[in-house]
C-alpha cells in the first residue's frame, strides 16, 4: 500500500494521522520465513518540520510464528514496532539524519517496505522458548527440556587430542 505524502511534505506545519492495513502475510529474511499470526493496522502520524522534510511517527503490533533456536519448539514472537523517522521530498538536499531509502518513492511511502525495514531493525538476535532452554542432545536429539537422555556429552579439549592419541596407541589389550 502506498500513502501519498505530498500534502505533508509541501505544506509547513501540516499534520496527518493515517491508519493503514498491513498486507504482509509473512516476513522473509536470511534467517527463514516467518508467517504473521496476528497484526494490527499500522498507525502513522506525519508532521511537516519544514518545507520538504517530515517526521513519521507511529506503531504496529505483530505476532510471528517462529521456532526456538535451541530446541526447535514453536514459539510466538511478538514485536511492538514504535518508530520515529525523518523523510525528505524529492530534490531536497541529502541529510545524514534522514533514512528514507527503500521505502520512499517520490512523494509516496510504501507501507510494506517501511514495516519490513522496521521488523529487520527490531528482530530478536536469538529466539528462545524460555530463558533457560537446554536445547537438544547433540548425540541422540532428545529435547533436554523434557528429560535427560543419559548420553555421554563429555567433549575433550581439542588441544589435547594428540596426547590422547599417544595414550590410545600404547594401550595394552
N, C-alpha and C. Protein backbone atom coordinates (compact mmCIF):
# COMPACT_ATOMS: atom_id res chain seq x y z
N UNK A 1 0.84 -1.17 0.00
CA UNK A 1 0.00 0.00 0.00
C UNK A 1 0.89 1.24 0.00
N UNK A 2 0.51 2.23 -0.79
CA UNK A 2 1.24 3.48 -0.88
C UNK A 2 0.43 4.60 -0.23
N UNK A 3 1.12 5.45 0.52
CA UNK A 3 0.49 6.62 1.14
C UNK A 3 1.12 7.86 0.53
N UNK A 4 0.28 8.77 0.02
CA UNK A 4 0.75 9.99 -0.61
C UNK A 4 1.09 11.01 0.48
N UNK A 5 2.34 11.46 0.51
CA UNK A 5 2.80 12.43 1.50
C UNK A 5 3.02 13.82 0.90
N UNK A 6 2.53 14.06 -0.31
CA UNK A 6 2.79 15.35 -0.95
C UNK A 6 2.20 16.50 -0.15
N UNK A 7 1.01 16.34 0.44
CA UNK A 7 0.41 17.41 1.25
C UNK A 7 1.27 17.74 2.47
N UNK A 8 1.79 16.70 3.11
CA UNK A 8 2.59 16.90 4.32
C UNK A 8 3.96 17.49 3.98
N UNK A 9 4.58 17.00 2.93
CA UNK A 9 5.93 17.44 2.59
C UNK A 9 5.96 18.85 1.99
N UNK A 10 4.87 19.32 1.43
CA UNK A 10 4.88 20.63 0.75
C UNK A 10 4.23 21.74 1.55
N UNK A 11 3.60 21.45 2.67
CA UNK A 11 2.93 22.49 3.46
C UNK A 11 3.50 22.52 4.87
N UNK A 12 4.09 23.65 5.24
CA UNK A 12 4.67 23.78 6.57
C UNK A 12 3.61 23.70 7.65
N UNK A 13 3.94 22.99 8.73
CA UNK A 13 3.03 22.87 9.86
C UNK A 13 1.93 21.84 9.68
N UNK A 14 1.87 21.20 8.55
CA UNK A 14 0.80 20.24 8.25
C UNK A 14 1.03 18.94 9.03
N UNK A 15 -0.04 18.37 9.58
CA UNK A 15 -0.01 17.07 10.26
C UNK A 15 -1.15 16.21 9.76
N UNK A 16 -0.88 14.93 9.62
CA UNK A 16 -1.91 13.97 9.21
C UNK A 16 -1.75 12.71 10.01
N UNK A 17 -2.87 12.12 10.41
CA UNK A 17 -2.89 10.81 11.06
C UNK A 17 -3.53 9.82 10.10
N UNK A 18 -2.84 8.72 9.87
CA UNK A 18 -3.33 7.71 8.93
C UNK A 18 -3.18 6.34 9.58
N UNK A 19 -4.19 5.51 9.39
CA UNK A 19 -4.11 4.12 9.83
C UNK A 19 -4.17 3.25 8.57
N UNK A 20 -3.12 2.49 8.33
CA UNK A 20 -3.01 1.71 7.10
C UNK A 20 -3.00 0.22 7.42
N UNK A 21 -3.77 -0.56 6.66
CA UNK A 21 -3.73 -2.01 6.88
C UNK A 21 -2.40 -2.58 6.35
N UNK A 22 -1.93 -3.59 7.01
CA UNK A 22 -0.69 -4.25 6.60
C UNK A 22 -1.05 -5.49 5.78
N UNK A 23 -0.62 -5.52 4.54
CA UNK A 23 -0.95 -6.62 3.64
C UNK A 23 0.04 -7.77 3.75
N UNK A 24 1.18 -7.54 4.36
CA UNK A 24 2.22 -8.55 4.51
C UNK A 24 1.69 -9.75 5.29
N UNK A 25 1.88 -10.96 4.78
CA UNK A 25 1.43 -12.18 5.45
C UNK A 25 2.58 -12.98 6.03
N UNK A 26 3.80 -12.66 5.60
CA UNK A 26 4.96 -13.43 6.02
C UNK A 26 6.19 -12.52 5.98
N UNK A 27 7.09 -12.72 6.93
CA UNK A 27 8.34 -11.98 6.97
C UNK A 27 9.45 -12.91 6.51
N UNK A 28 10.05 -12.61 5.36
CA UNK A 28 11.13 -13.43 4.81
C UNK A 28 12.45 -12.71 5.00
N UNK A 29 13.40 -13.43 5.61
CA UNK A 29 14.73 -12.86 5.81
C UNK A 29 15.76 -13.97 5.58
N UNK A 30 17.01 -13.64 5.81
CA UNK A 30 18.08 -14.63 5.67
C UNK A 30 17.99 -15.73 6.71
N UNK A 31 17.26 -15.49 7.81
CA UNK A 31 17.10 -16.49 8.85
C UNK A 31 15.96 -17.45 8.57
N UNK A 32 15.11 -17.14 7.61
CA UNK A 32 14.00 -18.01 7.28
C UNK A 32 12.75 -17.23 6.94
N UNK A 33 11.64 -17.95 6.89
CA UNK A 33 10.35 -17.37 6.59
C UNK A 33 9.47 -17.50 7.82
N UNK A 34 8.89 -16.39 8.26
CA UNK A 34 8.12 -16.36 9.50
C UNK A 34 6.71 -15.85 9.21
N UNK A 35 5.70 -16.74 9.23
CA UNK A 35 4.33 -16.30 8.99
C UNK A 35 3.84 -15.35 10.08
N UNK A 36 3.04 -14.39 9.69
CA UNK A 36 2.46 -13.45 10.64
C UNK A 36 1.14 -14.03 11.12
N UNK A 37 1.04 -14.28 12.43
CA UNK A 37 -0.17 -14.86 13.01
C UNK A 37 -1.20 -13.78 13.35
N UNK A 38 -0.75 -12.66 13.88
CA UNK A 38 -1.63 -11.56 14.25
C UNK A 38 -0.96 -10.25 13.86
N UNK A 39 -1.78 -9.26 13.51
CA UNK A 39 -1.24 -7.95 13.16
C UNK A 39 -2.30 -6.88 13.38
N UNK A 40 -1.84 -5.71 13.76
CA UNK A 40 -2.73 -4.56 13.90
C UNK A 40 -2.46 -3.64 12.72
N UNK A 41 -3.40 -2.78 12.39
CA UNK A 41 -3.11 -1.78 11.35
C UNK A 41 -1.95 -0.89 11.82
N UNK A 42 -1.23 -0.36 10.87
CA UNK A 42 -0.09 0.50 11.19
C UNK A 42 -0.60 1.93 11.37
N UNK A 43 -0.36 2.50 12.54
CA UNK A 43 -0.79 3.87 12.83
C UNK A 43 0.36 4.81 12.53
N UNK A 44 0.09 5.80 11.69
CA UNK A 44 1.09 6.79 11.31
C UNK A 44 0.65 8.18 11.75
N UNK A 45 1.63 9.00 12.12
CA UNK A 45 1.41 10.43 12.31
C UNK A 45 2.50 11.11 11.50
N UNK A 46 2.09 11.86 10.48
CA UNK A 46 3.02 12.57 9.61
C UNK A 46 2.99 14.04 9.99
N UNK A 47 4.17 14.61 10.25
CA UNK A 47 4.28 16.02 10.66
C UNK A 47 5.32 16.71 9.80
N UNK A 48 4.96 17.87 9.22
CA UNK A 48 5.90 18.65 8.45
C UNK A 48 6.78 19.42 9.41
N UNK A 49 8.09 19.28 9.28
CA UNK A 49 9.04 20.01 10.13
C UNK A 49 9.43 21.33 9.48
N UNK A 50 9.65 21.29 8.19
CA UNK A 50 9.94 22.47 7.38
C UNK A 50 9.68 22.03 5.96
N UNK A 51 9.71 22.96 5.03
CA UNK A 51 9.35 22.62 3.67
C UNK A 51 10.27 21.52 3.11
N UNK A 52 9.69 20.39 2.76
CA UNK A 52 10.45 19.29 2.19
C UNK A 52 10.92 18.24 3.17
N UNK A 53 10.68 18.45 4.48
CA UNK A 53 11.08 17.47 5.49
C UNK A 53 9.89 17.13 6.37
N UNK A 54 9.74 15.84 6.67
CA UNK A 54 8.62 15.42 7.52
C UNK A 54 9.08 14.35 8.49
N UNK A 55 8.38 14.27 9.60
CA UNK A 55 8.63 13.24 10.61
C UNK A 55 7.52 12.22 10.52
N UNK A 56 7.91 10.95 10.55
CA UNK A 56 6.94 9.85 10.57
C UNK A 56 7.04 9.19 11.93
N UNK A 57 5.94 9.18 12.65
CA UNK A 57 5.87 8.52 13.95
C UNK A 57 4.72 7.53 13.90
N UNK A 58 4.81 6.49 14.71
CA UNK A 58 3.70 5.55 14.75
C UNK A 58 4.07 4.25 15.40
N UNK A 59 3.15 3.28 15.23
CA UNK A 59 3.37 1.97 15.85
C UNK A 59 2.54 0.90 15.16
N UNK A 60 2.89 -0.33 15.46
CA UNK A 60 2.16 -1.50 14.99
C UNK A 60 2.53 -2.67 15.90
N UNK A 61 1.65 -3.63 16.02
CA UNK A 61 1.88 -4.84 16.80
C UNK A 61 1.80 -6.04 15.86
N UNK A 62 2.79 -6.92 15.93
CA UNK A 62 2.84 -8.11 15.08
C UNK A 62 3.21 -9.33 15.92
N UNK A 63 2.63 -10.48 15.57
CA UNK A 63 2.99 -11.74 16.21
C UNK A 63 3.37 -12.71 15.09
N UNK A 64 4.57 -13.27 15.18
CA UNK A 64 5.10 -14.19 14.17
C UNK A 64 5.18 -15.60 14.73
N UNK A 65 5.12 -16.59 13.85
CA UNK A 65 5.38 -17.97 14.24
C UNK A 65 6.84 -18.25 13.93
N UNK A 66 7.57 -18.65 14.96
CA UNK A 66 8.99 -18.95 14.81
C UNK A 66 9.31 -20.19 15.63
N UNK A 67 10.55 -20.60 15.62
CA UNK A 67 10.98 -21.79 16.35
C UNK A 67 12.17 -21.44 17.23
N UNK A 68 12.22 -22.06 18.41
CA UNK A 68 13.31 -21.84 19.36
C UNK A 68 14.63 -22.21 18.70
N UNK A 69 15.63 -21.38 18.89
CA UNK A 69 16.94 -21.63 18.29
C UNK A 69 17.68 -22.79 18.93
N UNK A 70 17.27 -23.22 20.10
CA UNK A 70 17.95 -24.32 20.79
C UNK A 70 17.21 -25.65 20.69
N UNK A 71 15.88 -25.65 20.89
CA UNK A 71 15.16 -26.93 20.94
C UNK A 71 14.14 -27.10 19.82
N UNK A 72 13.99 -26.12 18.95
CA UNK A 72 13.10 -26.16 17.78
C UNK A 72 11.62 -26.21 18.12
N UNK A 73 11.24 -25.84 19.34
CA UNK A 73 9.84 -25.76 19.73
C UNK A 73 9.22 -24.52 19.09
N UNK A 74 7.96 -24.64 18.65
CA UNK A 74 7.29 -23.48 18.05
C UNK A 74 7.06 -22.41 19.12
N UNK A 75 7.41 -21.17 18.77
CA UNK A 75 7.33 -20.05 19.71
C UNK A 75 6.68 -18.86 19.00
N UNK A 76 5.65 -18.24 19.59
CA UNK A 76 5.16 -17.00 19.01
C UNK A 76 6.08 -15.84 19.39
N UNK A 77 6.46 -15.04 18.41
CA UNK A 77 7.34 -13.90 18.65
C UNK A 77 6.52 -12.63 18.47
N UNK A 78 6.38 -11.87 19.53
CA UNK A 78 5.61 -10.63 19.48
C UNK A 78 6.55 -9.44 19.33
N UNK A 79 6.28 -8.62 18.31
CA UNK A 79 7.07 -7.41 18.08
C UNK A 79 6.17 -6.19 18.20
N UNK A 80 6.57 -5.26 19.02
CA UNK A 80 5.90 -3.97 19.11
C UNK A 80 6.78 -2.97 18.38
N UNK A 81 6.33 -2.51 17.25
CA UNK A 81 7.11 -1.57 16.45
C UNK A 81 6.69 -0.15 16.80
N UNK A 82 7.60 0.62 17.35
CA UNK A 82 7.41 2.05 17.60
C UNK A 82 8.49 2.77 16.81
N UNK A 83 8.08 3.63 15.92
CA UNK A 83 9.07 4.26 15.05
C UNK A 83 8.95 5.77 15.04
N UNK A 84 10.08 6.40 14.71
CA UNK A 84 10.19 7.83 14.60
C UNK A 84 11.28 8.10 13.57
N UNK A 85 10.87 8.45 12.34
CA UNK A 85 11.82 8.63 11.24
C UNK A 85 11.64 9.98 10.58
N UNK A 86 12.67 10.43 9.90
CA UNK A 86 12.61 11.65 9.11
C UNK A 86 12.69 11.29 7.64
N UNK A 87 11.89 11.97 6.81
CA UNK A 87 11.91 11.77 5.36
C UNK A 87 11.97 13.13 4.68
N UNK A 88 12.45 13.13 3.45
CA UNK A 88 12.52 14.37 2.68
C UNK A 88 11.79 14.19 1.36
N UNK A 89 11.38 15.30 0.78
CA UNK A 89 10.74 15.26 -0.52
C UNK A 89 11.82 15.15 -1.59
N UNK A 90 11.44 14.69 -2.79
CA UNK A 90 12.44 14.57 -3.86
C UNK A 90 13.05 15.94 -4.21
N UNK A 91 14.34 15.95 -4.45
CA UNK A 91 15.01 17.18 -4.86
C UNK A 91 15.58 18.00 -3.71
N UNK A 92 15.29 17.65 -2.46
CA UNK A 92 15.87 18.39 -1.34
C UNK A 92 17.25 17.84 -1.05
N UNK A 93 18.05 18.62 -0.34
CA UNK A 93 19.41 18.20 -0.02
C UNK A 93 19.41 16.96 0.85
N UNK A 94 20.40 16.12 0.63
CA UNK A 94 20.55 14.92 1.45
C UNK A 94 20.93 15.31 2.87
N UNK A 95 20.36 14.63 3.84
CA UNK A 95 20.64 14.90 5.25
C UNK A 95 21.04 13.57 5.88
N UNK A 96 22.09 13.57 6.70
CA UNK A 96 22.56 12.31 7.30
C UNK A 96 21.57 11.73 8.31
N UNK A 97 20.67 12.54 8.85
CA UNK A 97 19.68 12.04 9.81
C UNK A 97 18.46 11.45 9.12
N UNK A 98 18.35 11.61 7.81
CA UNK A 98 17.19 11.13 7.06
C UNK A 98 17.47 9.74 6.54
N UNK A 99 16.54 8.83 6.78
CA UNK A 99 16.69 7.45 6.32
C UNK A 99 15.42 7.05 5.59
N UNK A 100 15.29 7.51 4.34
CA UNK A 100 14.10 7.16 3.58
C UNK A 100 14.43 6.31 2.35
N UNK A 101 15.59 5.68 2.39
CA UNK A 101 16.00 4.81 1.29
C UNK A 101 15.22 3.50 1.33
N UNK A 102 14.63 3.13 0.21
CA UNK A 102 13.97 1.84 0.12
C UNK A 102 12.48 1.86 0.40
N UNK A 103 11.97 2.89 1.06
CA UNK A 103 10.53 2.90 1.30
C UNK A 103 9.85 4.18 0.81
N UNK A 104 10.61 5.13 0.28
CA UNK A 104 10.03 6.35 -0.29
C UNK A 104 10.33 6.40 -1.78
N UNK A 105 9.29 6.67 -2.57
CA UNK A 105 9.47 6.87 -4.00
C UNK A 105 8.70 8.12 -4.36
N UNK A 106 9.41 9.16 -4.73
CA UNK A 106 8.83 10.49 -4.92
C UNK A 106 8.13 10.91 -3.64
N UNK A 107 6.85 11.16 -3.70
CA UNK A 107 6.09 11.57 -2.51
C UNK A 107 5.30 10.41 -1.91
N UNK A 108 5.58 9.20 -2.31
CA UNK A 108 4.82 8.03 -1.88
C UNK A 108 5.60 7.22 -0.85
N UNK A 109 4.92 6.87 0.24
CA UNK A 109 5.50 6.00 1.27
C UNK A 109 4.96 4.59 1.05
N UNK A 110 5.85 3.63 0.84
CA UNK A 110 5.47 2.22 0.70
C UNK A 110 5.37 1.61 2.09
N UNK A 111 4.16 1.33 2.55
CA UNK A 111 3.92 0.84 3.91
C UNK A 111 4.60 -0.51 4.13
N UNK A 112 4.50 -1.41 3.17
CA UNK A 112 5.09 -2.75 3.32
C UNK A 112 6.60 -2.67 3.47
N UNK A 113 7.26 -1.87 2.63
CA UNK A 113 8.72 -1.73 2.70
C UNK A 113 9.13 -1.05 3.99
N UNK A 114 8.34 -0.06 4.43
CA UNK A 114 8.63 0.65 5.68
C UNK A 114 8.56 -0.31 6.87
N UNK A 115 7.49 -1.10 6.94
CA UNK A 115 7.32 -2.05 8.06
C UNK A 115 8.38 -3.14 7.99
N UNK A 116 8.71 -3.61 6.79
CA UNK A 116 9.76 -4.63 6.64
C UNK A 116 11.07 -4.14 7.24
N UNK A 117 11.43 -2.88 6.94
CA UNK A 117 12.67 -2.31 7.47
C UNK A 117 12.61 -2.20 9.00
N UNK A 118 11.45 -1.86 9.54
CA UNK A 118 11.28 -1.77 10.99
C UNK A 118 11.39 -3.15 11.64
N UNK A 119 10.84 -4.18 10.99
CA UNK A 119 10.94 -5.55 11.53
C UNK A 119 12.39 -5.98 11.59
N UNK A 120 13.13 -5.73 10.52
CA UNK A 120 14.56 -6.11 10.49
C UNK A 120 15.32 -5.44 11.64
N UNK A 121 15.02 -4.19 11.89
CA UNK A 121 15.70 -3.47 12.96
C UNK A 121 15.32 -3.93 14.36
N UNK A 122 14.15 -4.55 14.51
CA UNK A 122 13.67 -4.96 15.83
C UNK A 122 13.65 -6.47 16.03
N UNK A 123 14.09 -7.24 15.03
CA UNK A 123 14.05 -8.70 15.13
C UNK A 123 15.02 -9.17 16.21
N UNK A 124 14.59 -10.10 17.07
CA UNK A 124 15.50 -10.57 18.14
C UNK A 124 16.68 -11.35 17.56
N UNK A 125 17.84 -11.20 18.20
CA UNK A 125 19.04 -11.90 17.77
C UNK A 125 18.91 -13.40 17.99
N UNK A 126 18.25 -13.81 19.06
CA UNK A 126 18.07 -15.23 19.38
C UNK A 126 16.64 -15.41 19.87
N UNK A 127 15.97 -16.41 19.32
CA UNK A 127 14.60 -16.72 19.73
C UNK A 127 14.66 -17.95 20.63
N UNK A 128 14.18 -17.81 21.85
CA UNK A 128 14.19 -18.92 22.81
C UNK A 128 12.78 -19.16 23.33
N UNK A 129 12.44 -20.44 23.59
CA UNK A 129 11.14 -20.77 24.15
C UNK A 129 11.05 -20.33 25.61
N UNK A 130 12.19 -20.36 26.31
CA UNK A 130 12.30 -19.85 27.68
C UNK A 130 13.77 -19.53 27.91
N UNK A 131 14.04 -18.69 28.90
CA UNK A 131 15.40 -18.22 29.15
C UNK A 131 16.39 -19.35 29.40
N UNK A 132 15.96 -20.38 30.13
CA UNK A 132 16.87 -21.48 30.48
C UNK A 132 16.67 -22.72 29.61
N UNK A 133 16.33 -22.52 28.35
CA UNK A 133 16.14 -23.64 27.43
C UNK A 133 17.45 -24.43 27.32
N UNK A 134 17.35 -25.75 27.48
CA UNK A 134 18.55 -26.60 27.45
C UNK A 134 18.85 -27.14 26.07
N UNK A 135 17.93 -27.02 25.13
CA UNK A 135 18.19 -27.43 23.76
C UNK A 135 18.04 -28.92 23.53
N UNK A 136 18.70 -29.38 22.48
CA UNK A 136 18.66 -30.79 22.07
C UNK A 136 20.00 -31.46 22.36
N UNK A 137 19.94 -32.76 22.67
CA UNK A 137 21.17 -33.53 22.87
C UNK A 137 21.90 -33.62 21.53
N UNK A 138 23.19 -33.31 21.48
CA UNK A 138 23.93 -33.37 20.22
C UNK A 138 24.15 -34.79 19.71
N UNK A 139 23.97 -35.80 20.57
CA UNK A 139 24.17 -37.19 20.13
C UNK A 139 22.89 -37.84 19.65
N UNK A 140 21.82 -37.78 20.46
CA UNK A 140 20.60 -38.52 20.11
C UNK A 140 19.44 -37.63 19.69
N UNK A 141 19.52 -36.32 19.93
CA UNK A 141 18.47 -35.41 19.51
C UNK A 141 17.32 -35.26 20.50
N UNK A 142 17.43 -35.83 21.68
CA UNK A 142 16.38 -35.73 22.70
C UNK A 142 16.25 -34.27 23.16
N UNK A 143 14.99 -33.81 23.32
CA UNK A 143 14.73 -32.48 23.86
C UNK A 143 15.07 -32.53 25.35
N UNK A 144 16.12 -31.83 25.75
CA UNK A 144 16.59 -31.89 27.13
C UNK A 144 15.70 -31.11 28.09
N UNK A 145 14.75 -30.34 27.58
CA UNK A 145 13.77 -29.69 28.44
C UNK A 145 12.74 -30.69 28.94
N UNK A 146 12.52 -31.76 28.19
CA UNK A 146 11.54 -32.79 28.55
C UNK A 146 12.14 -33.79 29.55
N UNK A 147 13.33 -34.31 29.20
CA UNK A 147 14.00 -35.27 30.09
C UNK A 147 15.45 -35.40 29.65
N UNK A 148 16.29 -35.89 30.58
CA UNK A 148 17.68 -36.18 30.24
C UNK A 148 17.74 -37.48 29.47
N UNK A 149 18.68 -37.58 28.56
CA UNK A 149 18.78 -38.78 27.73
C UNK A 149 19.82 -39.77 28.23
N UNK A 150 20.78 -39.32 29.02
CA UNK A 150 21.81 -40.20 29.55
C UNK A 150 23.01 -40.37 28.64
N UNK A 151 23.06 -39.67 27.53
CA UNK A 151 24.21 -39.77 26.62
C UNK A 151 25.45 -39.16 27.27
N UNK A 152 26.62 -39.70 26.90
CA UNK A 152 27.88 -39.14 27.37
C UNK A 152 28.14 -37.87 26.55
N UNK A 153 28.10 -36.73 27.18
CA UNK A 153 28.29 -35.47 26.48
C UNK A 153 29.65 -34.84 26.74
N UNK A 154 30.59 -35.63 27.30
CA UNK A 154 31.93 -35.12 27.55
C UNK A 154 32.61 -34.82 26.23
N UNK A 155 33.12 -33.63 26.10
CA UNK A 155 33.84 -33.22 24.90
C UNK A 155 35.27 -32.90 25.33
N UNK A 156 36.25 -33.71 24.86
CA UNK A 156 37.63 -33.45 25.26
C UNK A 156 38.17 -32.17 24.62
N UNK A 157 39.15 -31.60 25.28
CA UNK A 157 39.78 -30.40 24.77
C UNK A 157 40.52 -30.75 23.48
N UNK A 158 40.22 -30.12 22.35
CA UNK A 158 40.87 -30.49 21.08
C UNK A 158 42.37 -30.25 21.09
N UNK A 159 42.86 -29.41 21.97
CA UNK A 159 44.31 -29.17 22.04
C UNK A 159 45.04 -30.39 22.62
N UNK A 160 44.30 -31.23 23.34
CA UNK A 160 44.90 -32.41 23.95
C UNK A 160 44.71 -33.68 23.11
N UNK A 161 44.17 -33.56 21.92
CA UNK A 161 43.87 -34.71 21.07
C UNK A 161 45.13 -35.51 20.74
N UNK A 162 46.26 -34.85 20.51
CA UNK A 162 47.50 -35.54 20.16
C UNK A 162 47.95 -36.41 21.33
N UNK A 163 47.87 -35.90 22.54
CA UNK A 163 48.27 -36.68 23.72
C UNK A 163 47.33 -37.86 23.90
N UNK A 164 46.04 -37.65 23.67
CA UNK A 164 45.06 -38.74 23.78
C UNK A 164 45.38 -39.84 22.77
N UNK A 165 45.81 -39.46 21.56
CA UNK A 165 46.18 -40.46 20.55
C UNK A 165 47.39 -41.27 21.01
N UNK A 166 48.35 -40.65 21.67
CA UNK A 166 49.52 -41.37 22.18
C UNK A 166 49.09 -42.41 23.21
N UNK A 167 48.22 -42.02 24.14
CA UNK A 167 47.74 -42.96 25.16
C UNK A 167 46.96 -44.11 24.52
N UNK A 168 46.15 -43.79 23.53
CA UNK A 168 45.35 -44.86 22.87
C UNK A 168 46.24 -45.81 22.07
N UNK A 169 47.35 -45.32 21.50
CA UNK A 169 48.24 -46.16 20.70
C UNK A 169 49.05 -47.11 21.60
N UNK A 170 49.36 -46.72 22.84
CA UNK A 170 50.17 -47.53 23.74
C UNK A 170 49.33 -48.34 24.73
N UNK A 171 48.07 -48.46 24.53
CA UNK A 171 47.23 -49.24 25.42
C UNK A 171 47.50 -50.72 25.26
N UNK A 172 47.53 -51.40 26.38
CA UNK A 172 47.68 -52.86 26.31
C UNK A 172 46.29 -53.45 26.18
N UNK A 173 46.20 -54.50 25.40
CA UNK A 173 44.93 -55.16 25.19
C UNK A 173 44.70 -56.25 26.16
